[in-house]
């Protein structure tokens, strides 16, 4: 499959939005407890999803900042790895 046909498969768990203090580029979204200020606790969704920052859109972030540095497949793989870390951490807490 070519990179152009590759799409990030998000399961919309909201865990990335609950860990914005994980990376410096997301810290400005932190409401003070590591959770994004736009994260909705009840729905586990982003309240500004349609207008979310580029840094919150894996595909747009790749196109704008990463395509000259690595393949889309590799970038997605790295993002899936972090996602899995959040899921593993969440399971160990619950």
PDB file of N, CA and C in Angstrom:
ATOM      1  N   UNK A   1       0.857  -1.189   0.000  1.00  0.00           N
ATOM      2  CA  UNK A   1       0.000   0.000   0.000  1.00  0.00           C
ATOM      3  C   UNK A   1       0.894   1.241   0.000  1.00  0.00           C
ATOM      4  N   UNK A   2       0.598   2.181  -0.848  1.00  0.00           N
ATOM      5  CA  UNK A   2       1.402   3.394  -0.889  1.00  0.00           C
ATOM      6  C   UNK A   2       1.043   4.305   0.282  1.00  0.00           C
ATOM      7  N   UNK A   3       1.992   5.171   0.635  1.00  0.00           N
ATOM      8  CA  UNK A   3       1.761   6.114   1.739  1.00  0.00           C
ATOM      9  C   UNK A   3       0.520   6.966   1.514  1.00  0.00           C
ATOM     10  N   UNK A   4       0.234   7.302   0.270  1.00  0.00           N
ATOM     11  CA  UNK A   4      -0.915   8.169  -0.024  1.00  0.00           C
ATOM     12  C   UNK A   4      -2.236   7.502   0.360  1.00  0.00           C
ATOM     13  N   UNK A   5      -2.273   6.166   0.285  1.00  0.00           N
ATOM     14  CA  UNK A   5      -3.489   5.420   0.620  1.00  0.00           C
ATOM     15  C   UNK A   5      -3.562   5.023   2.090  1.00  0.00           C
ATOM     16  N   UNK A   6      -2.522   5.305   2.844  1.00  0.00           N
ATOM     17  CA  UNK A   6      -2.445   4.929   4.239  1.00  0.00           C
ATOM     18  C   UNK A   6      -3.164   5.967   5.094  1.00  0.00           C
ATOM     19  N   UNK A   7      -4.057   5.501   5.971  1.00  0.00           N
ATOM     20  CA  UNK A   7      -4.784   6.399   6.870  1.00  0.00           C
ATOM     21  C   UNK A   7      -4.631   5.921   8.303  1.00  0.00           C
ATOM     22  N   UNK A   8      -4.484   6.876   9.210  1.00  0.00           N
ATOM     23  CA  UNK A   8      -4.323   6.542  10.619  1.00  0.00           C
ATOM     24  C   UNK A   8      -5.642   6.003  11.166  1.00  0.00           C
ATOM     25  N   UNK A   9      -5.568   4.848  11.794  1.00  0.00           N
ATOM     26  CA  UNK A   9      -6.754   4.192  12.340  1.00  0.00           C
ATOM     27  C   UNK A   9      -6.866   4.485  13.836  1.00  0.00           C
ATOM     28  N   UNK A  10      -7.595   5.510  14.164  1.00  0.00           N
ATOM     29  CA  UNK A  10      -7.803   5.911  15.558  1.00  0.00           C
ATOM     30  C   UNK A  10      -9.057   5.229  16.089  1.00  0.00           C
ATOM     31  N   UNK A  11      -8.956   4.643  17.287  1.00  0.00           N
ATOM     32  CA  UNK A  11     -10.146   4.004  17.860  1.00  0.00           C
ATOM     33  C   UNK A  11     -10.919   4.958  18.780  1.00  0.00           C
ATOM     34  N   UNK A  12     -10.468   6.192  18.829  1.00  0.00           N
ATOM     35  CA  UNK A  12     -11.154   7.269  19.557  1.00  0.00           C
ATOM     36  C   UNK A  12     -11.366   6.985  21.035  1.00  0.00           C
ATOM     37  N   UNK A  13     -10.335   6.437  21.657  1.00  0.00           N
ATOM     38  CA  UNK A  13     -10.407   6.145  23.089  1.00  0.00           C
ATOM     39  C   UNK A  13     -10.218   7.405  23.929  1.00  0.00           C
ATOM     40  N   UNK A  14      -9.578   8.441  23.363  1.00  0.00           N
ATOM     41  CA  UNK A  14      -9.364   9.692  24.086  1.00  0.00           C
ATOM     42  C   UNK A  14      -8.147   9.690  24.988  1.00  0.00           C
ATOM     43  N   UNK A  15      -7.389   8.603  25.016  1.00  0.00           N
ATOM     44  CA  UNK A  15      -6.242   8.546  25.919  1.00  0.00           C
ATOM     45  C   UNK A  15      -5.146   9.533  25.543  1.00  0.00           C
ATOM     46  N   UNK A  16      -4.959   9.798  24.264  1.00  0.00           N
ATOM     47  CA  UNK A  16      -3.936  10.783  23.884  1.00  0.00           C
ATOM     48  C   UNK A  16      -4.317  12.166  24.427  1.00  0.00           C
ATOM     49  N   UNK A  17      -5.602  12.459  24.442  1.00  0.00           N
ATOM     50  CA  UNK A  17      -6.085  13.747  24.946  1.00  0.00           C
ATOM     51  C   UNK A  17      -5.952  13.843  26.468  1.00  0.00           C
ATOM     52  N   UNK A  18      -5.816  12.703  27.106  1.00  0.00           N
ATOM     53  CA  UNK A  18      -5.653  12.660  28.558  1.00  0.00           C
ATOM     54  C   UNK A  18      -4.182  12.671  28.962  1.00  0.00           C
ATOM     55  N   UNK A  19      -3.298  12.793  27.978  1.00  0.00           N
ATOM     56  CA  UNK A  19      -1.859  12.782  28.240  1.00  0.00           C
ATOM     57  C   UNK A  19      -1.136  13.898  27.491  1.00  0.00           C
ATOM     58  N   UNK A  20      -1.699  15.085  27.437  1.00  0.00           N
ATOM     59  CA  UNK A  20      -1.057  16.158  26.673  1.00  0.00           C
ATOM     60  C   UNK A  20       0.238  16.647  27.309  1.00  0.00           C
ATOM     61  N   UNK A  21       0.457  16.337  28.578  1.00  0.00           N
ATOM     62  CA  UNK A  21       1.716  16.730  29.210  1.00  0.00           C
ATOM     63  C   UNK A  21       2.848  15.787  28.814  1.00  0.00           C
ATOM     64  N   UNK A  22       2.537  14.745  28.041  1.00  0.00           N
ATOM     65  CA  UNK A  22       3.518  13.760  27.579  1.00  0.00           C
ATOM     66  C   UNK A  22       4.571  14.396  26.672  1.00  0.00           C
ATOM     67  N   UNK A  23       4.195  15.432  25.946  1.00  0.00           N
ATOM     68  CA  UNK A  23       5.101  16.051  24.981  1.00  0.00           C
ATOM     69  C   UNK A  23       5.023  17.575  25.068  1.00  0.00           C
ATOM     70  N   UNK A  24       6.153  18.204  24.869  1.00  0.00           N
ATOM     71  CA  UNK A  24       6.228  19.672  24.919  1.00  0.00           C
ATOM     72  C   UNK A  24       5.286  20.342  23.921  1.00  0.00           C
ATOM     73  N   UNK A  25       5.082  19.741  22.748  1.00  0.00           N
ATOM     74  CA  UNK A  25       4.263  20.415  21.736  1.00  0.00           C
ATOM     75  C   UNK A  25       2.780  20.488  22.109  1.00  0.00           C
ATOM     76  N   UNK A  26       2.363  19.700  23.099  1.00  0.00           N
ATOM     77  CA  UNK A  26       0.957  19.704  23.514  1.00  0.00           C
ATOM     78  C   UNK A  26       0.723  20.428  24.834  1.00  0.00           C
ATOM     79  N   UNK A  27       1.785  20.814  25.520  1.00  0.00           N
ATOM     80  CA  UNK A  27       1.637  21.390  26.867  1.00  0.00           C
ATOM     81  C   UNK A  27       0.720  22.605  26.921  1.00  0.00           C
ATOM     82  N   UNK A  28       0.669  23.385  25.856  1.00  0.00           N
ATOM     83  CA  UNK A  28      -0.189  24.576  25.865  1.00  0.00           C
ATOM     84  C   UNK A  28      -1.676  24.204  25.894  1.00  0.00           C
ATOM     85  N   UNK A  29      -1.990  22.939  25.624  1.00  0.00           N
ATOM     86  CA  UNK A  29      -3.380  22.473  25.665  1.00  0.00           C
ATOM     87  C   UNK A  29      -3.769  21.928  27.044  1.00  0.00           C
ATOM     88  N   UNK A  30      -2.779  21.768  27.916  1.00  0.00           N
ATOM     89  CA  UNK A  30      -2.986  21.188  29.245  1.00  0.00           C
ATOM     90  C   UNK A  30      -3.850  22.110  30.110  1.00  0.00           C
ATOM     91  N   UNK A  31      -4.930  21.562  30.631  1.00  0.00           N
ATOM     92  CA  UNK A  31      -5.812  22.353  31.504  1.00  0.00           C
ATOM     93  C   UNK A  31      -5.297  22.399  32.945  1.00  0.00           C
ATOM     94  N   UNK A  32      -4.135  21.794  33.171  1.00  0.00           N
ATOM     95  CA  UNK A  32      -3.506  21.833  34.483  1.00  0.00           C
ATOM     96  C   UNK A  32      -3.346  20.466  35.127  1.00  0.00           C
ATOM     97  N   UNK A  33      -3.978  19.462  34.559  1.00  0.00           N
ATOM     98  CA  UNK A  33      -3.889  18.109  35.112  1.00  0.00           C
ATOM     99  C   UNK A  33      -3.418  17.083  34.087  1.00  0.00           C
ATOM    100  N   UNK A  34      -2.824  17.562  33.000  1.00  0.00           N
ATOM    101  CA  UNK A  34      -2.333  16.666  31.961  1.00  0.00           C
ATOM    102  C   UNK A  34      -3.368  16.326  30.910  1.00  0.00           C
ATOM    103  N   UNK A  35      -4.587  16.790  31.105  1.00  0.00           N
ATOM    104  CA  UNK A  35      -5.685  16.521  30.175  1.00  0.00           C
ATOM    105  C   UNK A  35      -5.921  17.756  29.315  1.00  0.00           C
ATOM    106  N   UNK A  36      -6.204  17.533  28.050  1.00  0.00           N
ATOM    107  CA  UNK A  36      -6.442  18.634  27.116  1.00  0.00           C
ATOM    108  C   UNK A  36      -7.667  19.449  27.540  1.00  0.00           C
ATOM    109  N   UNK A  37      -7.539  20.724  27.416  1.00  0.00           N
ATOM    110  CA  UNK A  37      -8.640  21.627  27.775  1.00  0.00           C
ATOM    111  C   UNK A  37      -9.884  21.415  26.915  1.00  0.00           C
ATOM    112  N   UNK A  38      -9.736  20.774  25.760  1.00  0.00           N
ATOM    113  CA  UNK A  38     -10.865  20.551  24.857  1.00  0.00           C
ATOM    114  C   UNK A  38     -11.453  19.132  24.959  1.00  0.00           C
ATOM    115  N   UNK A  39     -10.891  18.342  25.852  1.00  0.00           N
ATOM    116  CA  UNK A  39     -11.361  16.961  26.032  1.00  0.00           C
ATOM    117  C   UNK A  39     -12.661  16.954  26.827  1.00  0.00           C
ATOM    118  N   UNK A  40     -13.648  16.224  26.326  1.00  0.00           N
ATOM    119  CA  UNK A  40     -14.932  16.097  27.018  1.00  0.00           C
ATOM    120  C   UNK A  40     -14.955  14.762  27.758  1.00  0.00           C
ATOM    121  N   UNK A  41     -14.983  14.836  29.073  1.00  0.00           N
ATOM    122  CA  UNK A  41     -14.901  13.641  29.919  1.00  0.00           C
ATOM    123  C   UNK A  41     -16.033  12.648  29.652  1.00  0.00           C
ATOM    124  N   UNK A  42     -17.235  13.119  29.447  1.00  0.00           N
ATOM    125  CA  UNK A  42     -18.388  12.230  29.299  1.00  0.00           C
ATOM    126  C   UNK A  42     -18.347  11.477  27.975  1.00  0.00           C
ATOM    127  N   UNK A  43     -18.057  12.178  26.891  1.00  0.00           N
ATOM    128  CA  UNK A  43     -18.078  11.553  25.564  1.00  0.00           C
ATOM    129  C   UNK A  43     -16.723  10.982  25.147  1.00  0.00           C
ATOM    130  N   UNK A  44     -15.665  11.360  25.856  1.00  0.00           N
ATOM    131  CA  UNK A  44     -14.292  10.992  25.492  1.00  0.00           C
ATOM    132  C   UNK A  44     -13.931  11.530  24.110  1.00  0.00           C
ATOM    133  N   UNK A  45     -14.480  12.658  23.774  1.00  0.00           N
ATOM    134  CA  UNK A  45     -14.259  13.266  22.458  1.00  0.00           C
ATOM    135  C   UNK A  45     -13.701  14.685  22.611  1.00  0.00           C
ATOM    136  N   UNK A  46     -13.227  15.194  21.515  1.00  0.00           N
ATOM    137  CA  UNK A  46     -12.697  16.546  21.452  1.00  0.00           C
ATOM    138  C   UNK A  46     -13.843  17.518  21.161  1.00  0.00           C
ATOM    139  N   UNK A  47     -13.933  18.568  21.953  1.00  0.00           N
ATOM    140  CA  UNK A  47     -15.013  19.540  21.753  1.00  0.00           C
ATOM    141  C   UNK A  47     -14.772  20.429  20.537  1.00  0.00           C
ATOM    142  N   UNK A  48     -13.551  20.423  20.012  1.00  0.00           N
ATOM    143  CA  UNK A  48     -13.242  21.230  18.821  1.00  0.00           C
ATOM    144  C   UNK A  48     -12.692  20.343  17.698  1.00  0.00           C
ATOM    145  N   UNK A  49     -13.120  19.109  17.650  1.00  0.00           N
ATOM    146  CA  UNK A  49     -12.549  18.122  16.736  1.00  0.00           C
ATOM    147  C   UNK A  49     -12.450  18.633  15.293  1.00  0.00           C
ATOM    148  N   UNK A  50     -13.504  19.208  14.776  1.00  0.00           N
ATOM    149  CA  UNK A  50     -13.484  19.684  13.380  1.00  0.00           C
ATOM    150  C   UNK A  50     -12.493  20.828  13.168  1.00  0.00           C
ATOM    151  N   UNK A  51     -12.151  21.544  14.233  1.00  0.00           N
ATOM    152  CA  UNK A  51     -11.225  22.678  14.147  1.00  0.00           C
ATOM    153  C   UNK A  51      -9.995  22.485  15.025  1.00  0.00           C
ATOM    154  N   UNK A  52      -9.664  21.232  15.323  1.00  0.00           N
ATOM    155  CA  UNK A  52      -8.531  20.941  16.211  1.00  0.00           C
ATOM    156  C   UNK A  52      -7.225  21.414  15.579  1.00  0.00           C
ATOM    157  N   UNK A  53      -6.242  21.686  16.422  1.00  0.00           N
ATOM    158  CA  UNK A  53      -4.938  22.115  15.907  1.00  0.00           C
ATOM    159  C   UNK A  53      -4.304  21.029  15.035  1.00  0.00           C
ATOM    160  N   UNK A  54      -3.447  21.425  14.127  1.00  0.00           N
ATOM    161  CA  UNK A  54      -2.748  20.489  13.257  1.00  0.00           C
ATOM    162  C   UNK A  54      -2.003  19.442  14.085  1.00  0.00           C
ATOM    163  N   UNK A  55      -1.436  19.830  15.204  1.00  0.00           N
ATOM    164  CA  UNK A  55      -0.687  18.886  16.027  1.00  0.00           C
ATOM    165  C   UNK A  55      -1.564  17.760  16.575  1.00  0.00           C
ATOM    166  N   UNK A  56      -2.860  17.937  16.539  1.00  0.00           N
ATOM    167  CA  UNK A  56      -3.801  16.928  17.027  1.00  0.00           C
ATOM    168  C   UNK A  56      -4.376  16.071  15.899  1.00  0.00           C
ATOM    169  N   UNK A  57      -3.947  16.319  14.699  1.00  0.00           N
ATOM    170  CA  UNK A  57      -4.401  15.557  13.546  1.00  0.00           C
ATOM    171  C   UNK A  57      -3.189  14.821  12.973  1.00  0.00           C
ATOM    172  N   UNK A  58      -3.112  13.531  13.233  1.00  0.00           N
ATOM    173  CA  UNK A  58      -1.933  12.746  12.871  1.00  0.00           C
ATOM    174  C   UNK A  58      -1.581  12.893  11.394  1.00  0.00           C
ATOM    175  N   UNK A  59      -2.567  12.798  10.534  1.00  0.00           N
ATOM    176  CA  UNK A  59      -2.286  12.869   9.098  1.00  0.00           C
ATOM    177  C   UNK A  59      -1.832  14.259   8.664  1.00  0.00           C
ATOM    178  N   UNK A  60      -2.497  15.285   9.163  1.00  0.00           N
ATOM    179  CA  UNK A  60      -2.090  16.653   8.800  1.00  0.00           C
ATOM    180  C   UNK A  60      -0.714  16.985   9.376  1.00  0.00           C
ATOM    181  N   UNK A  61      -0.459  16.538  10.599  1.00  0.00           N
ATOM    182  CA  UNK A  61       0.844  16.774  11.221  1.00  0.00           C
ATOM    183  C   UNK A  61       1.944  16.127  10.380  1.00  0.00           C
ATOM    184  N   UNK A  62       1.688  14.910   9.944  1.00  0.00           N
ATOM    185  CA  UNK A  62       2.669  14.223   9.101  1.00  0.00           C
ATOM    186  C   UNK A  62       2.939  15.032   7.830  1.00  0.00           C
ATOM    187  N   UNK A  63       1.887  15.424   7.139  1.00  0.00           N
ATOM    188  CA  UNK A  63       2.036  16.152   5.878  1.00  0.00           C
ATOM    189  C   UNK A  63       2.794  17.466   6.062  1.00  0.00           C
ATOM    190  N   UNK A  64       2.507  18.147   7.149  1.00  0.00           N
ATOM    191  CA  UNK A  64       3.095  19.472   7.355  1.00  0.00           C
ATOM    192  C   UNK A  64       4.524  19.430   7.907  1.00  0.00           C
ATOM    193  N   UNK A  65       4.790  18.461   8.799  1.00  0.00           N
ATOM    194  CA  UNK A  65       6.065  18.495   9.512  1.00  0.00           C
ATOM    195  C   UNK A  65       6.970  17.275   9.346  1.00  0.00           C
ATOM    196  N   UNK A  66       6.435  16.138   8.980  1.00  0.00           N
ATOM    197  CA  UNK A  66       7.238  14.920   9.062  1.00  0.00           C
ATOM    198  C   UNK A  66       7.515  14.212   7.740  1.00  0.00           C
ATOM    199  N   UNK A  67       6.831  14.561   6.681  1.00  0.00           N
ATOM    200  CA  UNK A  67       6.969  13.779   5.452  1.00  0.00           C
ATOM    201  C   UNK A  67       8.375  13.783   4.869  1.00  0.00           C
ATOM    202  N   UNK A  68       9.158  14.800   5.158  1.00  0.00           N
ATOM    203  CA  UNK A  68      10.534  14.833   4.663  1.00  0.00           C
ATOM    204  C   UNK A  68      11.491  14.073   5.585  1.00  0.00           C
ATOM    205  N   UNK A  69      10.979  13.666   6.763  1.00  0.00           N
ATOM    206  CA  UNK A  69      11.845  13.037   7.762  1.00  0.00           C
ATOM    207  C   UNK A  69      11.694  11.530   7.844  1.00  0.00           C
ATOM    208  N   UNK A  70      10.497  11.030   7.506  1.00  0.00           N
ATOM    209  CA  UNK A  70      10.255   9.583   7.596  1.00  0.00           C
ATOM    210  C   UNK A  70       9.036   9.222   6.771  1.00  0.00           C
ATOM    211  N   UNK A  71       8.857   7.951   6.557  1.00  0.00           N
ATOM    212  CA  UNK A  71       7.688   7.493   5.810  1.00  0.00           C
ATOM    213  C   UNK A  71       6.435   7.660   6.669  1.00  0.00           C
ATOM    214  N   UNK A  72       5.314   7.741   6.009  1.00  0.00           N
ATOM    215  CA  UNK A  72       4.045   7.833   6.724  1.00  0.00           C
ATOM    216  C   UNK A  72       3.819   6.564   7.544  1.00  0.00           C
ATOM    217  N   UNK A  73       4.179   5.437   6.959  1.00  0.00           N
ATOM    218  CA  UNK A  73       4.037   4.165   7.665  1.00  0.00           C
ATOM    219  C   UNK A  73       4.820   4.180   8.981  1.00  0.00           C
ATOM    220  N   UNK A  74       6.055   4.647   8.965  1.00  0.00           N
ATOM    221  CA  UNK A  74       6.886   4.724  10.173  1.00  0.00           C
ATOM    222  C   UNK A  74       6.290   5.707  11.176  1.00  0.00           C
ATOM    223  N   UNK A  75       5.847   6.850  10.696  1.00  0.00           N
ATOM    224  CA  UNK A  75       5.247   7.850  11.584  1.00  0.00           C
ATOM    225  C   UNK A  75       4.006   7.297  12.265  1.00  0.00           C
ATOM    226  N   UNK A  76       3.156   6.626  11.511  1.00  0.00           N
ATOM    227  CA  UNK A  76       1.962   6.019  12.090  1.00  0.00           C
ATOM    228  C   UNK A  76       2.353   4.946  13.097  1.00  0.00           C
ATOM    229  N   UNK A  77       3.351   4.148  12.766  1.00  0.00           N
ATOM    230  CA  UNK A  77       3.809   3.099  13.671  1.00  0.00           C
ATOM    231  C   UNK A  77       4.250   3.701  15.006  1.00  0.00           C
ATOM    232  N   UNK A  78       5.001   4.782  14.961  1.00  0.00           N
ATOM    233  CA  UNK A  78       5.440   5.446  16.191  1.00  0.00           C
ATOM    234  C   UNK A  78       4.243   5.951  16.999  1.00  0.00           C
ATOM    235  N   UNK A  79       3.252   6.500  16.314  1.00  0.00           N
ATOM    236  CA  UNK A  79       2.049   6.980  16.996  1.00  0.00           C
ATOM    237  C   UNK A  79       1.246   5.830  17.584  1.00  0.00           C
ATOM    238  N   UNK A  80       1.140   4.717  16.865  1.00  0.00           N
ATOM    239  CA  UNK A  80       0.449   3.538  17.393  1.00  0.00           C
ATOM    240  C   UNK A  80       1.172   3.004  18.629  1.00  0.00           C
ATOM    241  N   UNK A  81       2.509   3.069  18.625  1.00  0.00           N
ATOM    242  CA  UNK A  81       3.279   2.612  19.784  1.00  0.00           C
ATOM    243  C   UNK A  81       2.961   3.439  21.031  1.00  0.00           C
ATOM    244  N   UNK A  82       2.912   4.752  20.864  1.00  0.00           N
ATOM    245  CA  UNK A  82       2.581   5.626  21.998  1.00  0.00           C
ATOM    246  C   UNK A  82       1.154   5.371  22.451  1.00  0.00           C
ATOM    247  N   UNK A  83       0.256   5.204  21.503  1.00  0.00           N
ATOM    248  CA  UNK A  83      -1.133   4.898  21.825  1.00  0.00           C
ATOM    249  C   UNK A  83      -1.211   3.621  22.667  1.00  0.00           C
ATOM    250  N   UNK A  84      -0.467   2.608  22.263  1.00  0.00           N
ATOM    251  CA  UNK A  84      -0.482   1.345  23.008  1.00  0.00           C
ATOM    252  C   UNK A  84       0.091   1.523  24.407  1.00  0.00           C
ATOM    253  N   UNK A  85       1.109   2.359  24.543  1.00  0.00           N
ATOM    254  CA  UNK A  85       1.665   2.647  25.871  1.00  0.00           C
ATOM    255  C   UNK A  85       0.599   3.263  26.764  1.00  0.00           C
ATOM    256  N   UNK A  86      -0.175   4.213  26.221  1.00  0.00           N
ATOM    257  CA  UNK A  86      -1.250   4.830  26.997  1.00  0.00           C
ATOM    258  C   UNK A  86      -2.297   3.789  27.395  1.00  0.00           C
ATOM    259  N   UNK A  87      -2.639   2.894  26.475  1.00  0.00           N
ATOM    260  CA  UNK A  87      -3.626   1.848  26.756  1.00  0.00           C
ATOM    261  C   UNK A  87      -3.119   0.892  27.824  1.00  0.00           C
ATOM    262  N   UNK A  88      -1.853   0.493  27.724  1.00  0.00           N
ATOM    263  CA  UNK A  88      -1.275  -0.410  28.721  1.00  0.00           C
ATOM    264  C   UNK A  88      -1.258   0.245  30.090  1.00  0.00           C
ATOM    265  N   UNK A  89      -0.869   1.515  30.129  1.00  0.00           N
ATOM    266  CA  UNK A  89      -0.845   2.260  31.391  1.00  0.00           C
ATOM    267  C   UNK A  89      -2.257   2.377  31.979  1.00  0.00           C
ATOM    268  N   UNK A  90      -3.220   2.655  31.119  1.00  0.00           N
ATOM    269  CA  UNK A  90      -4.601   2.794  31.559  1.00  0.00           C
ATOM    270  C   UNK A  90      -5.139   1.467  32.125  1.00  0.00           C
ATOM    271  N   UNK A  91      -4.789   0.358  31.490  1.00  0.00           N
ATOM    272  CA  UNK A  91      -5.233  -0.956  31.969  1.00  0.00           C
ATOM    273  C   UNK A  91      -4.614  -1.290  33.316  1.00  0.00           C
ATOM    274  N   UNK A  92      -3.353  -0.907  33.519  1.00  0.00           N
ATOM    275  CA  UNK A  92      -2.686  -1.216  34.783  1.00  0.00           C
ATOM    276  C   UNK A  92      -3.239  -0.384  35.928  1.00  0.00           C
ATOM    277  N   UNK A  93      -3.780   0.793  35.619  1.00  0.00           N
ATOM    278  CA  UNK A  93      -4.381   1.657  36.637  1.00  0.00           C
ATOM    279  C   UNK A  93      -5.780   1.188  36.991  1.00  0.00           C
ATOM    280  N   UNK A  94      -6.513   0.697  36.014  1.00  0.00           N
ATOM    281  CA  UNK A  94      -7.918   0.263  36.231  1.00  0.00           C
ATOM    282  C   UNK A  94      -8.040  -1.173  36.578  1.00  0.00           C
TER     283      UNK A  94
END
